[in-house]
Amino acid sequence: MEKICLYLAVGGAVILLFMFFFSTSGVMDYNRLKSRQDQLDAQFAIAVSQNSKMEKEILKLKTDIEYIKHLAKHEHEMAAQDELVFKEKPKN
């Protein structure tokens, strides 16, 4: 009788451990969800950083005329009315 109780107890413990590790709310799911949360946290930090940069850019575009002139001249190849533009001929 004692052996049967011992086997039942060990079997029950094995079943409980199996359920703990492999059930829908077990350790494996916890680790998977924790990993996903870490990925989302990293993506969120990147998005916050990019948002901050864009807000600074918008503020500069609204308030800083020298910055606008710099962008026009260097990124859009524009010139002021009183500037002379010298360009090299293509080497063909």
PDB file of N, CA and C in Angstrom:
ATOM      1  N   MET A   1       0.816  -1.187   0.000  1.00  0.00           N
ATOM      2  CA  MET A   1       0.000   0.000   0.000  1.00  0.00           C
ATOM      3  C   MET A   1       0.867   1.261   0.000  1.00  0.00           C
ATOM      4  N   GLU A   2       1.948   1.196   0.771  1.00  0.00           N
ATOM      5  CA  GLU A   2       2.832   2.352   0.840  1.00  0.00           C
ATOM      6  C   GLU A   2       3.508   2.604  -0.503  1.00  0.00           C
ATOM      7  N   LYS A   3       3.870   1.525  -1.221  1.00  0.00           N
ATOM      8  CA  LYS A   3       4.501   1.687  -2.528  1.00  0.00           C
ATOM      9  C   LYS A   3       3.537   2.327  -3.520  1.00  0.00           C
ATOM     10  N   ILE A   4       2.276   1.965  -3.442  1.00  0.00           N
ATOM     11  CA  ILE A   4       1.282   2.537  -4.356  1.00  0.00           C
ATOM     12  C   ILE A   4       1.129   4.032  -4.083  1.00  0.00           C
ATOM     13  N   CYS A   5       1.079   4.405  -2.834  1.00  0.00           N
ATOM     14  CA  CYS A   5       0.977   5.832  -2.477  1.00  0.00           C
ATOM     15  C   CYS A   5       2.218   6.590  -2.931  1.00  0.00           C
ATOM     16  N   LEU A   6       3.382   5.971  -2.772  1.00  0.00           N
ATOM     17  CA  LEU A   6       4.624   6.601  -3.195  1.00  0.00           C
ATOM     18  C   LEU A   6       4.634   6.798  -4.712  1.00  0.00           C
ATOM     19  N   TYR A   7       4.226   5.770  -5.460  1.00  0.00           N
ATOM     20  CA  TYR A   7       4.166   5.874  -6.920  1.00  0.00           C
ATOM     21  C   TYR A   7       3.153   6.927  -7.358  1.00  0.00           C
ATOM     22  N   LEU A   8       2.031   6.980  -6.680  1.00  0.00           N
ATOM     23  CA  LEU A   8       1.020   7.997  -7.006  1.00  0.00           C
ATOM     24  C   LEU A   8       1.554   9.400  -6.718  1.00  0.00           C
ATOM     25  N   ALA A   9       2.258   9.548  -5.623  1.00  0.00           N
ATOM     26  CA  ALA A   9       2.814  10.860  -5.268  1.00  0.00           C
ATOM     27  C   ALA A   9       3.879  11.285  -6.274  1.00  0.00           C
ATOM     28  N   VAL A  10       4.767  10.371  -6.643  1.00  0.00           N
ATOM     29  CA  VAL A  10       5.821  10.689  -7.623  1.00  0.00           C
ATOM     30  C   VAL A  10       5.185  10.981  -8.979  1.00  0.00           C
ATOM     31  N   GLY A  11       4.215  10.154  -9.378  1.00  0.00           N
ATOM     32  CA  GLY A  11       3.522  10.387 -10.646  1.00  0.00           C
ATOM     33  C   GLY A  11       2.802  11.726 -10.654  1.00  0.00           C
ATOM     34  N   GLY A  12       2.160  12.045  -9.555  1.00  0.00           N
ATOM     35  CA  GLY A  12       1.479  13.346  -9.441  1.00  0.00           C
ATOM     36  C   GLY A  12       2.469  14.496  -9.527  1.00  0.00           C
ATOM     37  N   ALA A  13       3.614  14.339  -8.874  1.00  0.00           N
ATOM     38  CA  ALA A  13       4.632  15.387  -8.926  1.00  0.00           C
ATOM     39  C   ALA A  13       5.155  15.570 -10.345  1.00  0.00           C
ATOM     40  N   VAL A  14       5.367  14.457 -11.051  1.00  0.00           N
ATOM     41  CA  VAL A  14       5.837  14.538 -12.439  1.00  0.00           C
ATOM     42  C   VAL A  14       4.796  15.232 -13.312  1.00  0.00           C
ATOM     43  N   ILE A  15       3.547  14.887 -13.130  1.00  0.00           N
ATOM     44  CA  ILE A  15       2.467  15.518 -13.908  1.00  0.00           C
ATOM     45  C   ILE A  15       2.396  17.011 -13.602  1.00  0.00           C
ATOM     46  N   LEU A  16       2.501  17.360 -12.322  1.00  0.00           N
ATOM     47  CA  LEU A  16       2.472  18.786 -11.957  1.00  0.00           C
ATOM     48  C   LEU A  16       3.652  19.547 -12.555  1.00  0.00           C
ATOM     49  N   LEU A  17       4.829  18.953 -12.512  1.00  0.00           N
ATOM     50  CA  LEU A  17       6.002  19.605 -13.104  1.00  0.00           C
ATOM     51  C   LEU A  17       5.830  19.754 -14.618  1.00  0.00           C
ATOM     52  N   PHE A  18       5.327  18.715 -15.250  1.00  0.00           N
ATOM     53  CA  PHE A  18       5.088  18.786 -16.694  1.00  0.00           C
ATOM     54  C   PHE A  18       4.093  19.899 -17.017  1.00  0.00           C
ATOM     55  N   MET A  19       3.013  19.973 -16.246  1.00  0.00           N
ATOM     56  CA  MET A  19       1.992  21.017 -16.470  1.00  0.00           C
ATOM     57  C   MET A  19       2.594  22.407 -16.211  1.00  0.00           C
ATOM     58  N   PHE A  20       3.438  22.508 -15.207  1.00  0.00           N
ATOM     59  CA  PHE A  20       4.047  23.793 -14.867  1.00  0.00           C
ATOM     60  C   PHE A  20       4.919  24.309 -16.009  1.00  0.00           C
ATOM     61  N   PHE A  21       5.704  23.420 -16.623  1.00  0.00           N
ATOM     62  CA  PHE A  21       6.623  23.854 -17.667  1.00  0.00           C
ATOM     63  C   PHE A  21       5.980  23.955 -19.048  1.00  0.00           C
ATOM     64  N   PHE A  22       5.009  23.157 -19.349  1.00  0.00           N
ATOM     65  CA  PHE A  22       4.498  23.085 -20.715  1.00  0.00           C
ATOM     66  C   PHE A  22       3.042  23.513 -20.874  1.00  0.00           C
ATOM     67  N   SER A  23       2.410  23.975 -19.838  1.00  0.00           N
ATOM     68  CA  SER A  23       1.023  24.412 -19.972  1.00  0.00           C
ATOM     69  C   SER A  23       0.974  25.794 -20.620  1.00  0.00           C
ATOM     70  N   THR A  24      -0.227  26.285 -20.900  1.00  0.00           N
ATOM     71  CA  THR A  24      -0.370  27.585 -21.586  1.00  0.00           C
ATOM     72  C   THR A  24       0.109  28.738 -20.719  1.00  0.00           C
ATOM     73  N   SER A  25       0.176  28.556 -19.441  1.00  0.00           N
ATOM     74  CA  SER A  25       0.679  29.632 -18.587  1.00  0.00           C
ATOM     75  C   SER A  25       1.957  29.199 -17.874  1.00  0.00           C
ATOM     76  N   GLY A  26       2.726  28.359 -18.524  1.00  0.00           N
ATOM     77  CA  GLY A  26       3.933  27.817 -17.910  1.00  0.00           C
ATOM     78  C   GLY A  26       5.153  28.671 -18.157  1.00  0.00           C
ATOM     79  N   VAL A  27       6.269  28.146 -17.760  1.00  0.00           N
ATOM     80  CA  VAL A  27       7.549  28.838 -17.839  1.00  0.00           C
ATOM     81  C   VAL A  27       7.945  29.109 -19.288  1.00  0.00           C
ATOM     82  N   MET A  28       7.672  28.173 -20.188  1.00  0.00           N
ATOM     83  CA  MET A  28       8.065  28.358 -21.593  1.00  0.00           C
ATOM     84  C   MET A  28       7.324  29.557 -22.195  1.00  0.00           C
ATOM     85  N   ASP A  29       6.030  29.659 -21.908  1.00  0.00           N
ATOM     86  CA  ASP A  29       5.269  30.804 -22.406  1.00  0.00           C
ATOM     87  C   ASP A  29       5.748  32.100 -21.762  1.00  0.00           C
ATOM     88  N   TYR A  30       6.057  32.027 -20.476  1.00  0.00           N
ATOM     89  CA  TYR A  30       6.560  33.208 -19.792  1.00  0.00           C
ATOM     90  C   TYR A  30       7.847  33.701 -20.451  1.00  0.00           C
ATOM     91  N   ASN A  31       8.774  32.794 -20.731  1.00  0.00           N
ATOM     92  CA  ASN A  31      10.037  33.181 -21.363  1.00  0.00           C
ATOM     93  C   ASN A  31       9.811  33.753 -22.750  1.00  0.00           C
ATOM     94  N   ARG A  32       8.894  33.144 -23.507  1.00  0.00           N
ATOM     95  CA  ARG A  32       8.592  33.642 -24.850  1.00  0.00           C
ATOM     96  C   ARG A  32       7.992  35.048 -24.777  1.00  0.00           C
ATOM     97  N   LEU A  33       7.059  35.231 -23.863  1.00  0.00           N
ATOM     98  CA  LEU A  33       6.422  36.540 -23.725  1.00  0.00           C
ATOM     99  C   LEU A  33       7.394  37.589 -23.185  1.00  0.00           C
ATOM    100  N   LYS A  34       8.272  37.187 -22.310  1.00  0.00           N
ATOM    101  CA  LYS A  34       9.288  38.113 -21.778  1.00  0.00           C
ATOM    102  C   LYS A  34      10.225  38.556 -22.892  1.00  0.00           C
ATOM    103  N   SER A  35      10.622  37.626 -23.755  1.00  0.00           N
ATOM    104  CA  SER A  35      11.481  37.966 -24.888  1.00  0.00           C
ATOM    105  C   SER A  35      10.769  38.941 -25.824  1.00  0.00           C
ATOM    106  N   ARG A  36       9.498  38.692 -26.080  1.00  0.00           N
ATOM    107  CA  ARG A  36       8.715  39.583 -26.955  1.00  0.00           C
ATOM    108  C   ARG A  36       8.584  40.971 -26.328  1.00  0.00           C
ATOM    109  N   GLN A  37       8.393  41.010 -25.023  1.00  0.00           N
ATOM    110  CA  GLN A  37       8.298  42.294 -24.338  1.00  0.00           C
ATOM    111  C   GLN A  37       9.612  43.068 -24.441  1.00  0.00           C
ATOM    112  N   ASP A  38      10.736  42.381 -24.316  1.00  0.00           N
ATOM    113  CA  ASP A  38      12.040  43.030 -24.453  1.00  0.00           C
ATOM    114  C   ASP A  38      12.217  43.606 -25.861  1.00  0.00           C
ATOM    115  N   GLN A  39      11.774  42.865 -26.881  1.00  0.00           N
ATOM    116  CA  GLN A  39      11.846  43.364 -28.260  1.00  0.00           C
ATOM    117  C   GLN A  39      10.986  44.610 -28.421  1.00  0.00           C
ATOM    118  N   LEU A  40       9.778  44.569 -27.875  1.00  0.00           N
ATOM    119  CA  LEU A  40       8.884  45.723 -27.986  1.00  0.00           C
ATOM    120  C   LEU A  40       9.420  46.929 -27.227  1.00  0.00           C
ATOM    121  N   ASP A  41      10.041  46.692 -26.082  1.00  0.00           N
ATOM    122  CA  ASP A  41      10.645  47.791 -25.326  1.00  0.00           C
ATOM    123  C   ASP A  41      11.769  48.454 -26.126  1.00  0.00           C
ATOM    124  N   ALA A  42      12.574  47.637 -26.806  1.00  0.00           N
ATOM    125  CA  ALA A  42      13.652  48.186 -27.635  1.00  0.00           C
ATOM    126  C   ALA A  42      13.090  48.983 -28.801  1.00  0.00           C
ATOM    127  N   GLN A  43      12.053  48.468 -29.446  1.00  0.00           N
ATOM    128  CA  GLN A  43      11.418  49.197 -30.548  1.00  0.00           C
ATOM    129  C   GLN A  43      10.808  50.502 -30.050  1.00  0.00           C
ATOM    130  N   PHE A  44      10.226  50.474 -28.869  1.00  0.00           N
ATOM    131  CA  PHE A  44       9.636  51.681 -28.291  1.00  0.00           C
ATOM    132  C   PHE A  44      10.707  52.731 -28.023  1.00  0.00           C
ATOM    133  N   ALA A  45      11.848  52.311 -27.489  1.00  0.00           N
ATOM    134  CA  ALA A  45      12.940  53.256 -27.211  1.00  0.00           C
ATOM    135  C   ALA A  45      13.437  53.896 -28.509  1.00  0.00           C
ATOM    136  N   ILE A  46      13.531  53.105 -29.579  1.00  0.00           N
ATOM    137  CA  ILE A  46      13.953  53.644 -30.869  1.00  0.00           C
ATOM    138  C   ILE A  46      12.924  54.649 -31.377  1.00  0.00           C
ATOM    139  N   ALA A  47      11.646  54.313 -31.250  1.00  0.00           N
ATOM    140  CA  ALA A  47      10.587  55.212 -31.714  1.00  0.00           C
ATOM    141  C   ALA A  47      10.581  56.527 -30.928  1.00  0.00           C
ATOM    142  N   VAL A  48      10.810  56.445 -29.635  1.00  0.00           N
ATOM    143  CA  VAL A  48      10.866  57.663 -28.807  1.00  0.00           C
ATOM    144  C   VAL A  48      12.042  58.534 -29.240  1.00  0.00           C
ATOM    145  N   SER A  49      13.182  57.920 -29.500  1.00  0.00           N
ATOM    146  CA  SER A  49      14.355  58.666 -29.948  1.00  0.00           C
ATOM    147  C   SER A  49      14.104  59.342 -31.298  1.00  0.00           C
ATOM    148  N   GLN A  50      13.535  58.591 -32.239  1.00  0.00           N
ATOM    149  CA  GLN A  50      13.240  59.168 -33.553  1.00  0.00           C
ATOM    150  C   GLN A  50      12.215  60.283 -33.443  1.00  0.00           C
ATOM    151  N   ASN A  51      11.221  60.117 -32.589  1.00  0.00           N
ATOM    152  CA  ASN A  51      10.204  61.140 -32.395  1.00  0.00           C
ATOM    153  C   ASN A  51      10.823  62.418 -31.845  1.00  0.00           C
ATOM    154  N   SER A  52      11.745  62.270 -30.898  1.00  0.00           N
ATOM    155  CA  SER A  52      12.415  63.429 -30.324  1.00  0.00           C
ATOM    156  C   SER A  52      13.222  64.178 -31.392  1.00  0.00           C
ATOM    157  N   LYS A  53      13.938  63.422 -32.244  1.00  0.00           N
ATOM    158  CA  LYS A  53      14.708  64.056 -33.320  1.00  0.00           C
ATOM    159  C   LYS A  53      13.787  64.800 -34.282  1.00  0.00           C
ATOM    160  N   MET A  54      12.664  64.195 -34.609  1.00  0.00           N
ATOM    161  CA  MET A  54      11.728  64.840 -35.533  1.00  0.00           C
ATOM    162  C   MET A  54      11.115  66.098 -34.929  1.00  0.00           C
ATOM    163  N   GLU A  55      10.824  66.057 -33.639  1.00  0.00           N
ATOM    164  CA  GLU A  55      10.277  67.246 -32.977  1.00  0.00           C
ATOM    165  C   GLU A  55      11.290  68.391 -33.004  1.00  0.00           C
ATOM    166  N   LYS A  56      12.573  68.074 -32.779  1.00  0.00           N
ATOM    167  CA  LYS A  56      13.614  69.101 -32.838  1.00  0.00           C
ATOM    168  C   LYS A  56      13.738  69.662 -34.256  1.00  0.00           C
ATOM    169  N   GLU A  57      13.670  68.774 -35.258  1.00  0.00           N
ATOM    170  CA  GLU A  57      13.741  69.200 -36.659  1.00  0.00           C
ATOM    171  C   GLU A  57      12.570  70.124 -37.002  1.00  0.00           C
ATOM    172  N   ILE A  58      11.386  69.769 -36.559  1.00  0.00           N
ATOM    173  CA  ILE A  58      10.198  70.593 -36.823  1.00  0.00           C
ATOM    174  C   ILE A  58      10.357  71.960 -36.176  1.00  0.00           C
ATOM    175  N   LEU A  59      10.847  71.985 -34.940  1.00  0.00           N
ATOM    176  CA  LEU A  59      11.049  73.263 -34.251  1.00  0.00           C
ATOM    177  C   LEU A  59      12.054  74.127 -35.002  1.00  0.00           C
ATOM    178  N   LYS A  60      13.149  73.522 -35.478  1.00  0.00           N
ATOM    179  CA  LYS A  60      14.141  74.270 -36.252  1.00  0.00           C
ATOM    180  C   LYS A  60      13.524  74.810 -37.537  1.00  0.00           C
ATOM    181  N   LEU A  61      12.732  73.984 -38.209  1.00  0.00           N
ATOM    182  CA  LEU A  61      12.119  74.427 -39.462  1.00  0.00           C
ATOM    183  C   LEU A  61      11.108  75.549 -39.232  1.00  0.00           C
ATOM    184  N   LYS A  62      10.506  75.595 -38.074  1.00  0.00           N
ATOM    185  CA  LYS A  62       9.541  76.651 -37.764  1.00  0.00           C
ATOM    186  C   LYS A  62      10.208  77.949 -37.312  1.00  0.00           C
ATOM    187  N   THR A  63      11.397  77.846 -36.688  1.00  0.00           N
ATOM    188  CA  THR A  63      11.931  79.026 -36.016  1.00  0.00           C
ATOM    189  C   THR A  63      13.311  79.481 -36.492  1.00  0.00           C
ATOM    190  N   ASP A  64      14.108  78.633 -37.094  1.00  0.00           N
ATOM    191  CA  ASP A  64      15.501  78.959 -37.383  1.00  0.00           C
ATOM    192  C   ASP A  64      15.700  79.224 -38.882  1.00  0.00           C
ATOM    193  N   ILE A  65      15.727  80.489 -39.267  1.00  0.00           N
ATOM    194  CA  ILE A  65      15.861  80.860 -40.675  1.00  0.00           C
ATOM    195  C   ILE A  65      17.227  80.465 -41.228  1.00  0.00           C
ATOM    196  N   GLU A  66      18.270  80.508 -40.403  1.00  0.00           N
ATOM    197  CA  GLU A  66      19.597  80.111 -40.862  1.00  0.00           C
ATOM    198  C   GLU A  66      19.641  78.614 -41.181  1.00  0.00           C
ATOM    199  N   TYR A  67      18.945  77.828 -40.410  1.00  0.00           N
ATOM    200  CA  TYR A  67      18.881  76.393 -40.671  1.00  0.00           C
ATOM    201  C   TYR A  67      18.143  76.135 -41.990  1.00  0.00           C
ATOM    202  N   ILE A  68      17.075  76.851 -42.219  1.00  0.00           N
ATOM    203  CA  ILE A  68      16.324  76.706 -43.473  1.00  0.00           C
ATOM    204  C   ILE A  68      17.198  77.094 -44.661  1.00  0.00           C
ATOM    205  N   LYS A  69      17.956  78.191 -44.528  1.00  0.00           N
ATOM    206  CA  LYS A  69      18.865  78.601 -45.602  1.00  0.00           C
ATOM    207  C   LYS A  69      19.926  77.529 -45.855  1.00  0.00           C
ATOM    208  N   HIS A  70      20.444  76.969 -44.786  1.00  0.00           N
ATOM    209  CA  HIS A  70      21.456  75.913 -44.910  1.00  0.00           C
ATOM    210  C   HIS A  70      20.883  74.712 -45.673  1.00  0.00           C
ATOM    211  N   LEU A  71      19.693  74.284 -45.310  1.00  0.00           N
ATOM    212  CA  LEU A  71      19.065  73.156 -46.001  1.00  0.00           C
ATOM    213  C   LEU A  71      18.827  73.470 -47.472  1.00  0.00           C
ATOM    214  N   ALA A  72      18.335  74.672 -47.738  1.00  0.00           N
ATOM    215  CA  ALA A  72      18.058  75.053 -49.122  1.00  0.00           C
ATOM    216  C   ALA A  72      19.340  75.038 -49.951  1.00  0.00           C
ATOM    217  N   LYS A  73      20.390  75.546 -49.390  1.00  0.00           N
ATOM    218  CA  LYS A  73      21.643  75.657 -50.122  1.00  0.00           C
ATOM    219  C   LYS A  73      22.340  74.312 -50.295  1.00  0.00           C
ATOM    220  N   HIS A  74      22.458  73.551 -49.231  1.00  0.00           N
ATOM    221  CA  HIS A  74      23.276  72.339 -49.268  1.00  0.00           C
ATOM    222  C   HIS A  74      22.517  71.071 -49.662  1.00  0.00           C
ATOM    223  N   GLU A  75      21.249  70.990 -49.341  1.00  0.00           N
ATOM    224  CA  GLU A  75      20.515  69.766 -49.671  1.00  0.00           C
ATOM    225  C   GLU A  75      19.679  69.909 -50.934  1.00  0.00           C
ATOM    226  N   HIS A  76      19.280  71.134 -51.243  1.00  0.00           N
ATOM    227  CA  HIS A  76      18.403  71.340 -52.400  1.00  0.00           C
ATOM    228  C   HIS A  76      19.068  72.156 -53.510  1.00  0.00           C
ATOM    229  N   GLU A  77      20.360  72.424 -53.331  1.00  0.00           N
ATOM    230  CA  GLU A  77      21.175  73.130 -54.323  1.00  0.00           C
ATOM    231  C   GLU A  77      20.529  74.428 -54.804  1.00  0.00           C
ATOM    232  N   MET A  78      20.043  75.202 -53.858  1.00  0.00           N
ATOM    233  CA  MET A  78      19.458  76.507 -54.172  1.00  0.00           C
ATOM    234  C   MET A  78      20.491  77.581 -53.836  1.00  0.00           C
ATOM    235  N   ALA A  79      20.270  78.772 -54.388  1.00  0.00           N
ATOM    236  CA  ALA A  79      21.174  79.886 -54.119  1.00  0.00           C
ATOM    237  C   ALA A  79      20.342  81.133 -53.865  1.00  0.00           C
ATOM    238  N   ALA A  80      20.919  82.026 -53.075  1.00  0.00           N
ATOM    239  CA  ALA A  80      20.247  83.305 -52.833  1.00  0.00           C
ATOM    240  C   ALA A  80      20.347  84.163 -54.094  1.00  0.00           C
ATOM    241  N   GLN A  81      19.534  85.220 -54.159  1.00  0.00           N
ATOM    242  CA  GLN A  81      19.516  86.057 -55.363  1.00  0.00           C
ATOM    243  C   GLN A  81      20.849  86.736 -55.620  1.00  0.00           C
ATOM    244  N   ASP A  82      21.594  87.070 -54.563  1.00  0.00           N
ATOM    245  CA  ASP A  82      22.853  87.788 -54.743  1.00  0.00           C
ATOM    246  C   ASP A  82      24.072  86.868 -54.798  1.00  0.00           C
ATOM    247  N   GLU A  83      23.891  85.568 -54.923  1.00  0.00           N
ATOM    248  CA  GLU A  83      25.001  84.635 -54.971  1.00  0.00           C
ATOM    249  C   GLU A  83      25.289  84.200 -56.409  1.00  0.00           C
ATOM    250  N   LEU A  84      26.584  84.003 -56.667  1.00  0.00           N
ATOM    251  CA  LEU A  84      26.997  83.423 -57.938  1.00  0.00           C
ATOM    252  C   LEU A  84      27.276  81.956 -57.718  1.00  0.00           C
ATOM    253  N   VAL A  85      26.858  81.150 -58.659  1.00  0.00           N
ATOM    254  CA  VAL A  85      27.043  79.705 -58.548  1.00  0.00           C
ATOM    255  C   VAL A  85      27.995  79.269 -59.641  1.00  0.00           C
ATOM    256  N   PHE A  86      29.065  78.600 -59.262  1.00  0.00           N
ATOM    257  CA  PHE A  86      30.025  78.072 -60.217  1.00  0.00           C
ATOM    258  C   PHE A  86      29.897  76.547 -60.201  1.00  0.00           C
ATOM    259  N   LYS A  87      29.743  75.965 -61.388  1.00  0.00           N
ATOM    260  CA  LYS A  87      29.634  74.522 -61.488  1.00  0.00           C
ATOM    261  C   LYS A  87      30.686  74.027 -62.450  1.00  0.00           C
ATOM    262  N   GLU A  88      31.229  72.852 -62.151  1.00  0.00           N
ATOM    263  CA  GLU A  88      32.206  72.245 -63.067  1.00  0.00           C
ATOM    264  C   GLU A  88      31.471  71.593 -64.225  1.00  0.00           C
ATOM    265  N   LYS A  89      32.129  71.653 -65.390  1.00  0.00           N
ATOM    266  CA  LYS A  89      31.567  70.961 -66.531  1.00  0.00           C
ATOM    267  C   LYS A  89      31.780  69.469 -66.362  1.00  0.00           C
ATOM    268  N   PRO A  90      30.854  68.666 -66.834  1.00  0.00           N
ATOM    269  CA  PRO A  90      31.075  67.216 -66.770  1.00  0.00           C
ATOM    270  C   PRO A  90      32.280  66.834 -67.638  1.00  0.00           C
ATOM    271  N   LYS A  91      33.020  65.851 -67.221  1.00  0.00           N
ATOM    272  CA  LYS A  91      34.229  65.428 -67.941  1.00  0.00           C
ATOM    273  C   LYS A  91      33.869  64.384 -68.982  1.00  0.00           C
ATOM    274  N   ASN A  92      33.251  64.824 -70.059  1.00  0.00           N
ATOM    275  CA  ASN A  92      32.903  63.920 -71.173  1.00  0.00           C
ATOM    276  C   ASN A  92      33.466  64.439 -72.459  1.00  0.00           C
TER     277      ASN A  92
END
